[in-house]
Amino acid sequence: MQDETIRQKSSDGTPLAEVLSKQDILPGIKVDIGAKPLAGSPGETVTEGLDGLRDRLSEYHGMGARFAKWRAVIHITDALPSVVCVSVNAHALARYAALCQEQDLVPIVEPEVLMDGSHSMGRCEEVTGTVLHAVFRALFEQGIALERMLLKPNMVIAGKEWPHSASVQEFATATLHCLRRHVPAAVPGIVFLSGGQDDRVATVHLDAINRLPWPKPWRISSLTGARSRITRWRRGMAGTRTSGPAGRPCTNGPAATARPVSAGIRMRWRRHRYVPAVRRIAASGATTDMNMFGGLGSLRPRPTKSEQGVRARVSVHDQTWRDGVELERPAYRHNGYTFDG
């Protein structure tokens, strides 16, 4: 939510954050004030908003917010980004994250490498890796508890003006390769931003990433655009289906587990897709075990018995819910460490 949104109240005077909490939705707040031109670096930006942030975060927490978001914007050309741009944005993200954790808010760290331009997929992977390396170095220097944050990066894709196309498999391989090299296993969850991709294309890419056989020590999902979420929510409230062609991985929830399910239940099951990552954070005492990223879709009721039956017929090898009951994922080992699914 924006600052003005979290201050709103319902018709009976109940604060919006309290209304959301009663729906098992943890309210969150966007705390940066936007990307501004970076002095001395034409064509580059730095995200501002650190002034007075401690007091604002304390106020937001008192109003019911339980997580926050800060977006850094990185432009790509043959010469950009500069070392200065990467450094100042990484530092700002780390300072924001430190202040969030000080106020018992979960920080969503969002370093976005833009897909605008004519850069290749290889160039995007190179820059994304550099940015992630700088961000996690800054987080380490600021003493951030990685177990109490979420990462919201871009996918590794070529620029919009790049003349050559790549397969979905190539996109997925490059993205996961970059994440495995630069994102520590202690981070509980990665939630991709669409980065200007069509929601359906982004979901196909997410599905391909989760189908790769390489170990993934984090939960991986994505956040779709606000406009599309509102559209689906309105359709759902009107009692209409928000489905697509049969057999397509039609929501981020199924794509996050690489198990497409019936499009007819997409609105009602999407509320649970971030529970595992949130509960890992909750175990550290940072927040409660309610769904952090329910969004507008979480205003829908729980699945009916008939919908639960549809869900139950889906393979539950790596599903989180079945017949309305949360399941434990099998633990697995990687590099000597045990991960809880």
Foldseek 3Di string as FASTA:
>chain_A
DEPVQQQDADPVRHGPLVVCVVLLEQAEYEQWPDWDDDPPAPPATAIHGPVVSLVVLLVVVVSRHAAYEDEHEWEDDPCDDDPVRLQRNLLVLLSNCLSCVVNLHAYEREYEYALADQFALVRLLVVQLVSLQNNVVNNVVSPHQLLRYEYAYAFRHHHPNHPDDDDLLVSLVSRVVSCVVRPDLSNAAYAYEDNPPDPLSSLSSLLSNLPDPDDDSYQYFYDYDPVVLVVCLVCVVVVHFPADDPPRQTDRQCSSNSWRFDSRCRLQPVQCSCQRSQVSNVVVVSDHSGRHPNPSSSVDDHDDQVVLVRVQVTDVQPPQDHSRDGDFHPWDDDPRDIHRD
